[in-house]
Amino acid sequence: MNRIIIIIISISLIIVLAAGCSSTVGSYDQKSEPPTDSNAFSGANDSNGNNPFEGIFDILDADYNRNNRFIQTSNGIVYYNKNNTEIYSVDSETGQLSPIINDRIIVCFAVHKENIYFYSQPSLFRVPINGGDAVVIETNYVDTSLQIVNMGIIQDTLYMTVATSENSDGSPPYMLFSSDLSNNPDVLSLISLNINSINGLPYSNGLFYSLEPVDSNDEIARFNIFVRNIYSDERKEISQDIYNNMYLVSDKYIFFIDQLRESDQFVIKKTMLDGSEETVFIESADIQMSFLTYDDAWIYYELPDKTNNKSFLYRFNQETGEIQEICGLTFEFYGVVYNYIYGYDFDTKDMVRISLPF
């Protein structure tokens, strides 16, 4: 019963926050530029006919995983957002928690060097990674009273997905913004990337993967996968007609669910990050599965058990396709870091930390 009440309160809070977004975001025609300290965009001058994606598929930050929304890593330390109310650092060996913030509702957060950036409506804040007083971050261009739904930091660039107000001009409900953190950490100059970011955060400092629905008479929705250079208008189609928006981009490959055209069999396909070398990777797939996250070797997914109204956590190896059952999901899954699962148990109101087999 307590878990149901907490879930209802959390959903209500999100609805109230989103409904309260009555301000507007500034115009979206500000020109985006790549980070000045990055060399990842050499050869991407599409005005000269070059490949706008050349050289930018290998710049993923080792500490960055856009699927791990509630856990972050920096210099070997794990940071954990406990039920959107507290942030702790976690000893990666013992699991010992050290509190950093415990006095406000924290919608999302990201770690950068000596600071943690977090959003607690109506402001964006910065706090030292060892704890201390939270400082309000000044921003231009974006009214932070609007809901910031997620954020991530790649190298020295902060990316934020912002829920805009209901605009009559047809602008999308979610927009992606970036800011260079290397100058003044207390005053951020935000840039609109002109991307509808309902699909999440960027994959890297240059790439953004997204889905677009396609017209289909099938009962199950079908989508095309695209990759876009976020600092240009160029995009590339990666795959067509995937089923039910089930896909995940790891640091090595893209995995997605598809149906073999000659049968009713669903399969998991694998392709390179640029869409090349697409192959059937696992010959049978349950379309009820949900991709969750990845680590160096595995893709993690959830699969409901229809017989007892539960769900289980599984993983498959990115190279071999070997499938392992991990555990029953009696908690909210947050992510995988350093060979541990992290989550939140609504019954015990505490962190879940489960060691994974090698």
Protein backbone atom coordinates (compact mmCIF):
# COMPACT_ATOMS: atom_id res chain seq x y z
CA MET A 1 0.00 0.00 0.00
CA ASN A 2 2.84 2.42 0.86
CA ARG A 3 4.43 1.71 -2.50
CA ILE A 4 1.17 2.48 -4.33
CA ILE A 5 0.78 5.77 -2.43
CA ILE A 6 4.37 6.81 -3.23
CA ILE A 7 3.90 6.00 -6.93
CA ILE A 8 0.62 7.99 -7.04
CA ILE A 9 2.27 10.96 -5.33
CA SER A 10 5.25 10.83 -7.71
CA ILE A 11 3.00 10.72 -10.79
CA SER A 12 0.87 13.55 -9.42
CA LEU A 13 3.96 15.66 -8.76
CA ILE A 14 5.21 15.22 -12.32
CA ILE A 15 1.77 16.15 -13.71
CA VAL A 16 1.58 19.23 -11.49
CA LEU A 17 5.08 20.35 -12.45
CA ALA A 18 4.40 19.88 -16.14
CA ALA A 19 1.02 21.63 -15.88
CA GLY A 20 2.66 24.55 -14.14
CA CYS A 21 4.90 25.32 -17.09
CA SER A 22 3.21 28.50 -18.21
CA SER A 23 6.30 30.40 -19.32
CA THR A 24 7.85 30.08 -22.74
CA VAL A 25 11.28 29.13 -23.95
CA GLY A 26 13.09 31.65 -26.13
CA SER A 27 13.10 31.42 -29.90
CA TYR A 28 14.61 28.29 -31.41
CA ASP A 29 16.59 29.91 -34.24
CA GLN A 30 19.75 30.53 -32.23
CA LYS A 31 22.66 28.97 -34.14
CA SER A 32 24.23 25.94 -32.50
CA GLU A 33 27.98 25.48 -32.51
CA PRO A 34 30.05 22.46 -31.44
CA PRO A 35 32.09 22.67 -28.24
CA THR A 36 35.21 24.72 -28.93
CA ASP A 37 37.47 22.28 -27.08
CA SER A 38 36.39 19.27 -29.14
CA ASN A 39 38.16 17.96 -32.23
CA ALA A 40 35.37 15.48 -32.92
CA PHE A 41 33.88 17.40 -35.82
CA SER A 42 36.82 17.48 -38.20
CA GLY A 43 35.73 16.40 -41.64
CA ALA A 44 32.07 17.16 -40.89
CA ASN A 45 31.73 20.19 -43.18
CA ASP A 46 28.71 19.09 -45.16
CA SER A 47 28.75 22.32 -47.20
CA ASN A 48 31.78 20.91 -48.99
CA GLY A 49 30.16 17.56 -49.60
CA ASN A 50 31.97 15.70 -46.83
CA ASN A 51 30.38 13.05 -44.65
CA PRO A 52 28.88 14.97 -41.68
CA PHE A 53 29.26 11.86 -39.48
CA GLU A 54 32.89 11.13 -40.25
CA GLY A 55 34.98 10.73 -37.10
CA ILE A 56 32.22 11.30 -34.53
CA PHE A 57 31.11 7.75 -33.75
CA ASP A 58 33.96 7.19 -31.30
CA ILE A 59 33.78 10.11 -28.87
CA LEU A 60 31.52 8.69 -26.19
CA ASP A 61 32.55 9.75 -22.68
CA ALA A 62 33.57 6.69 -20.62
CA ASP A 63 31.57 8.00 -17.63
CA TYR A 64 28.43 8.69 -19.67
CA ASN A 65 25.46 6.38 -20.16
CA ARG A 66 22.28 8.17 -21.11
CA ASN A 67 20.19 5.19 -19.95
CA ASN A 68 21.37 5.43 -16.33
CA ARG A 69 19.26 8.40 -15.32
CA PHE A 70 19.40 7.92 -11.55
CA ILE A 71 23.05 6.91 -11.22
CA GLN A 72 26.15 8.71 -12.43
CA THR A 73 29.86 7.94 -12.28
CA SER A 74 32.90 10.18 -12.10
CA ASN A 75 36.51 9.18 -11.42
CA GLY A 76 35.44 5.77 -10.18
CA ILE A 77 32.81 7.08 -7.73
CA VAL A 78 29.10 6.28 -8.07
CA TYR A 79 26.49 8.96 -7.41
CA TYR A 80 22.90 7.91 -6.74
CA ASN A 81 19.61 9.82 -6.81
CA LYS A 82 17.47 8.04 -4.24
CA ASN A 83 13.80 8.24 -5.21
CA ASN A 84 14.21 11.80 -6.51
CA THR A 85 14.74 13.11 -2.97
CA GLU A 86 18.39 12.53 -2.01
CA ILE A 87 21.79 12.29 -3.68
CA TYR A 88 24.51 10.08 -2.24
CA SER A 89 27.98 9.06 -3.24
CA VAL A 90 28.42 5.30 -3.13
CA ASP A 91 31.62 3.42 -2.35
CA SER A 92 31.92 1.10 -5.35
CA GLU A 93 33.43 -1.68 -3.21
CA THR A 94 31.46 -1.57 0.06
CA GLY A 95 28.24 0.13 -1.04
CA GLN A 96 28.54 2.62 1.83
CA LEU A 97 26.41 5.71 1.22
CA SER A 98 27.58 9.25 1.97
CA PRO A 99 24.82 11.90 1.82
CA ILE A 100 25.32 14.97 -0.36
CA ILE A 101 21.80 16.39 -0.71
CA ASN A 102 18.76 15.33 1.32
CA ASP A 103 16.54 18.38 1.71
CA ARG A 104 14.67 18.81 -1.57
CA ILE A 105 12.97 17.07 -4.50
CA ILE A 106 15.57 16.35 -7.20
CA VAL A 107 14.14 15.75 -10.64
CA CYS A 108 17.44 14.98 -12.37
CA PHE A 109 21.17 15.45 -11.88
CA ALA A 110 24.59 15.06 -13.52
CA VAL A 111 28.17 15.03 -12.25
CA HIS A 112 31.01 17.13 -13.65
CA LYS A 113 34.48 17.15 -12.11
CA GLU A 114 34.11 18.72 -8.63
CA ASN A 115 30.42 19.60 -8.93
CA ILE A 116 27.00 18.00 -9.11
CA TYR A 117 24.41 19.84 -11.17
CA PHE A 118 20.78 19.13 -10.32
CA TYR A 119 17.32 20.46 -11.05
CA SER A 120 14.85 21.16 -8.26
CA GLN A 121 11.95 23.25 -9.49
CA PRO A 122 12.12 26.10 -10.21
CA SER A 123 15.93 26.35 -10.39
CA LEU A 124 19.06 24.66 -11.61
CA PHE A 125 21.65 24.17 -8.83
CA ARG A 126 25.29 23.26 -8.34
CA VAL A 127 26.71 21.59 -5.23
CA PRO A 128 30.25 20.30 -4.50
CA ILE A 129 30.60 16.53 -4.90
CA ASN A 130 31.61 16.23 -1.24
CA GLY A 131 28.54 18.13 -0.07
CA GLY A 132 27.95 21.71 0.97
CA ASP A 133 25.64 24.59 0.15
CA ALA A 134 23.74 24.43 -3.13
CA VAL A 135 24.27 27.41 -5.45
CA VAL A 136 21.60 28.60 -7.88
CA ILE A 137 22.86 28.51 -11.47
CA GLU A 138 22.02 31.49 -13.62
CA THR A 139 21.05 30.78 -17.21
CA ASN A 140 20.22 32.80 -20.25
CA TYR A 141 17.72 31.88 -22.90
CA VAL A 142 15.85 29.23 -20.90
CA ASP A 143 13.36 29.87 -18.12
CA THR A 144 14.27 27.16 -15.60
CA SER A 145 10.83 27.32 -14.01
CA LEU A 146 9.96 25.11 -16.94
CA GLN A 147 10.47 21.44 -16.16
CA ILE A 148 13.97 20.08 -16.86
CA VAL A 149 13.18 16.39 -17.25
CA ASN A 150 16.70 14.98 -17.61
CA MET A 151 20.31 16.02 -18.00
CA GLY A 152 23.68 14.53 -18.84
CA ILE A 153 27.26 15.74 -19.06
CA ILE A 154 29.66 14.60 -21.79
CA GLN A 155 33.22 15.87 -21.36
CA ASP A 156 32.64 19.59 -20.54
CA THR A 157 29.20 19.95 -22.12
CA LEU A 158 25.93 19.85 -20.20
CA TYR A 159 22.87 18.63 -22.10
CA MET A 160 19.33 19.17 -20.78
CA THR A 161 15.92 18.09 -22.00
CA VAL A 162 13.43 20.86 -21.18
CA ALA A 163 9.64 20.52 -21.24
CA THR A 164 8.36 23.63 -22.97
CA SER A 165 4.95 25.17 -22.51
CA GLU A 166 2.08 24.40 -24.82
CA ASN A 167 2.99 26.76 -27.63
CA SER A 168 0.57 27.80 -30.35
CA ASP A 169 3.45 28.09 -32.84
CA GLY A 170 3.75 24.31 -33.14
CA SER A 171 7.11 24.04 -31.34
CA PRO A 172 7.73 20.59 -29.82
CA PRO A 173 6.94 19.82 -26.16
CA TYR A 174 10.55 18.81 -25.36
CA MET A 175 13.69 20.58 -26.53
CA LEU A 176 17.36 19.79 -26.11
CA PHE A 177 19.81 22.44 -24.85
CA SER A 178 23.56 22.43 -24.27
CA SER A 179 26.06 24.56 -22.38
CA ASP A 180 29.84 24.64 -22.01
CA LEU A 181 30.76 24.12 -18.34
CA SER A 182 34.45 24.95 -18.69
CA ASN A 183 34.05 28.72 -18.31
CA ASN A 184 31.86 29.91 -15.42
CA PRO A 185 30.10 27.05 -13.55
CA ASP A 186 27.59 29.46 -12.02
CA VAL A 187 26.44 31.21 -15.20
CA LEU A 188 25.50 28.98 -18.14
CA SER A 189 25.01 30.17 -21.67
CA LEU A 190 22.51 27.67 -23.05
CA ILE A 191 22.20 26.84 -26.73
CA SER A 192 19.12 25.36 -28.35
CA LEU A 193 20.02 22.35 -30.48
CA ASN A 194 16.67 22.47 -32.29
CA ILE A 195 15.99 18.84 -31.49
CA ASN A 196 12.75 17.37 -30.18
CA SER A 197 14.39 15.36 -27.42
CA ILE A 198 11.45 13.24 -26.29
CA ASN A 199 13.70 10.33 -27.30
CA GLY A 200 16.23 11.25 -24.61
CA LEU A 201 19.71 12.71 -24.33
CA PRO A 202 22.43 12.69 -27.00
CA TYR A 203 24.50 9.58 -27.46
CA SER A 204 27.75 11.55 -27.56
CA ASN A 205 29.07 15.06 -28.07
CA GLY A 206 28.08 14.83 -31.71
CA LEU A 207 25.35 12.26 -32.20
CA PHE A 208 21.67 12.01 -31.36
CA TYR A 209 19.61 8.90 -32.15
CA SER A 210 15.87 9.22 -32.60
CA LEU A 211 12.78 7.39 -33.81
CA GLU A 212 10.18 8.47 -36.30
CA PRO A 213 6.85 6.65 -36.69
CA VAL A 214 5.97 5.25 -40.10
CA ASP A 215 2.55 4.70 -41.58
CA SER A 216 1.59 1.07 -41.13
CA ASN A 217 -1.51 -1.09 -41.08
CA ASP A 218 0.07 -3.34 -38.46
CA GLU A 219 -1.44 -3.51 -34.99
CA ILE A 220 2.01 -2.83 -33.54
CA ALA A 221 3.53 0.60 -34.15
CA ARG A 222 6.58 0.71 -36.42
CA PHE A 223 9.44 3.22 -36.48
CA ASN A 224 12.53 4.22 -38.41
CA ILE A 225 15.80 4.88 -36.54
CA PHE A 226 17.78 7.98 -37.48
CA VAL A 227 21.11 9.35 -36.32
CA ARG A 228 21.75 13.07 -36.44
CA ASN A 229 24.81 15.27 -36.10
CA ILE A 230 23.46 17.59 -33.40
CA TYR A 231 25.57 20.51 -34.63
CA SER A 232 24.35 20.35 -38.20
CA ASP A 233 21.09 19.65 -40.03
CA GLU A 234 22.37 16.36 -41.41
CA ARG A 235 20.85 13.03 -40.44
CA LYS A 236 21.12 9.45 -41.61
CA GLU A 237 18.61 6.61 -41.63
CA ILE A 238 19.93 3.68 -39.62
CA SER A 239 17.15 1.11 -39.93
CA GLN A 240 13.58 0.87 -41.17
CA ASP A 241 10.35 -0.49 -39.75
CA ILE A 242 11.47 -1.60 -36.31
CA TYR A 243 8.69 -2.82 -34.06
CA ASN A 244 7.20 -1.08 -31.05
CA ASN A 245 10.09 1.43 -30.59
CA MET A 246 12.25 -1.24 -28.92
CA TYR A 247 15.88 -0.25 -29.48
CA LEU A 248 19.00 0.53 -27.48
CA VAL A 249 22.27 2.20 -28.48
CA SER A 250 25.28 0.88 -26.56
CA ASP A 251 28.85 2.09 -26.83
CA LYS A 252 29.43 -0.52 -29.56
CA TYR A 253 26.22 -1.36 -31.43
CA ILE A 254 22.53 -0.64 -31.93
CA PHE A 255 20.12 -3.42 -30.95
CA PHE A 256 16.45 -3.45 -31.91
CA ILE A 257 13.47 -5.76 -32.28
CA ASP A 258 12.21 -6.54 -35.76
CA GLN A 259 10.01 -9.10 -37.46
CA LEU A 260 11.22 -11.40 -40.20
CA ARG A 261 9.16 -10.47 -43.23
CA GLU A 262 8.68 -14.07 -44.33
CA SER A 263 7.25 -15.20 -40.97
CA ASP A 264 5.67 -14.07 -37.72
CA GLN A 265 8.98 -14.55 -35.89
CA PHE A 266 10.35 -11.61 -33.93
CA VAL A 267 14.12 -11.27 -33.71
CA ILE A 268 16.74 -9.02 -32.16
CA LYS A 269 18.92 -7.38 -34.78
CA LYS A 270 22.31 -5.78 -34.31
CA THR A 271 23.92 -3.09 -36.40
CA MET A 272 26.98 -0.89 -36.15
CA LEU A 273 26.53 2.65 -34.81
CA ASP A 274 26.47 4.01 -38.37
CA GLY A 275 23.84 1.50 -39.50
CA SER A 276 26.21 -0.78 -41.40
CA GLU A 277 26.46 -4.57 -41.15
CA GLU A 278 22.90 -5.18 -39.97
CA THR A 279 22.40 -8.82 -38.93
CA VAL A 280 19.91 -11.00 -37.09
CA PHE A 281 21.57 -11.35 -33.69
CA ILE A 282 19.10 -13.37 -31.61
CA GLU A 283 16.64 -15.52 -33.53
CA SER A 284 13.72 -15.20 -31.13
CA ALA A 285 12.49 -12.19 -29.19
CA ASP A 286 9.48 -11.41 -27.03
CA ILE A 287 8.00 -8.07 -28.08
CA GLN A 288 6.99 -7.49 -24.45
CA MET A 289 10.65 -7.01 -23.51
CA SER A 290 11.96 -3.56 -22.62
CA PHE A 291 15.60 -2.58 -23.13
CA LEU A 292 16.97 -0.90 -20.01
CA THR A 293 20.71 -0.19 -20.18
CA TYR A 294 24.11 -1.63 -21.07
CA ASP A 295 27.62 -2.11 -19.73
CA ASP A 296 30.88 -3.06 -21.44
CA ALA A 297 29.70 -6.57 -22.28
CA TRP A 298 25.93 -6.88 -21.81
CA ILE A 299 22.53 -5.44 -22.74
CA TYR A 300 20.01 -5.46 -19.87
CA TYR A 301 16.28 -5.84 -20.43
CA GLU A 302 13.06 -6.43 -18.54
CA LEU A 303 10.56 -9.14 -19.46
CA PRO A 304 7.16 -9.59 -17.81
CA ASP A 305 6.09 -13.00 -16.54
CA LYS A 306 2.48 -13.29 -17.61
CA THR A 307 1.73 -16.19 -15.26
CA ASN A 308 2.37 -14.42 -11.95
CA ASN A 309 2.15 -10.72 -12.81
CA LYS A 310 5.86 -10.12 -12.14
CA SER A 311 8.79 -9.14 -14.29
CA PHE A 312 12.36 -10.35 -14.47
CA LEU A 313 15.69 -8.80 -15.34
CA TYR A 314 17.70 -10.48 -18.09
CA ARG A 315 20.81 -9.64 -20.06
CA PHE A 316 22.40 -10.80 -23.30
CA ASN A 317 26.02 -10.59 -24.33
CA GLN A 318 26.70 -7.94 -26.98
CA GLU A 319 29.12 -10.19 -28.87
CA THR A 320 27.81 -13.74 -28.45
CA GLY A 321 24.08 -13.33 -27.74
CA GLU A 322 24.28 -15.49 -24.62
CA ILE A 323 21.20 -14.84 -22.45
CA GLN A 324 21.25 -14.85 -18.63
CA GLU A 325 18.40 -14.41 -16.16
CA ILE A 326 19.53 -12.06 -13.36
CA CYS A 327 16.69 -11.68 -10.86
CA GLY A 328 13.05 -10.88 -10.31
CA LEU A 329 12.40 -7.14 -10.41
CA THR A 330 10.85 -6.41 -7.02
CA PHE A 331 12.33 -2.90 -7.10
CA GLU A 332 12.59 0.03 -9.49
CA PHE A 333 15.58 -0.53 -11.74
CA TYR A 334 17.94 2.46 -12.00
CA GLY A 335 20.95 1.13 -13.90
CA VAL A 336 24.16 -0.90 -13.92
CA VAL A 337 27.58 0.45 -12.93
CA TYR A 338 30.85 -1.34 -12.08
CA ASN A 339 29.23 -4.80 -12.12
CA TYR A 340 26.40 -3.85 -9.75
CA ILE A 341 22.69 -3.30 -10.31
CA TYR A 342 21.27 -0.21 -8.61
CA GLY A 343 17.63 0.44 -7.84
CA TYR A 344 15.10 1.66 -5.29
CA ASP A 345 12.90 -0.58 -3.16
CA PHE A 346 9.60 1.14 -2.36
CA ASP A 347 8.86 -1.32 0.46
CA THR A 348 12.10 -0.81 2.39
CA LYS A 349 12.49 2.78 1.13
CA ASP A 350 16.14 2.14 0.50
CA MET A 351 18.71 1.52 -2.19
CA VAL A 352 19.05 -1.84 -3.90
CA ARG A 353 22.57 -2.91 -4.85
CA ILE A 354 23.01 -6.36 -6.39
CA SER A 355 26.34 -7.87 -7.41
CA LEU A 356 26.38 -9.29 -10.91
CA PRO A 357 28.16 -12.49 -11.97
CA PHE A 358 31.31 -11.97 -14.02
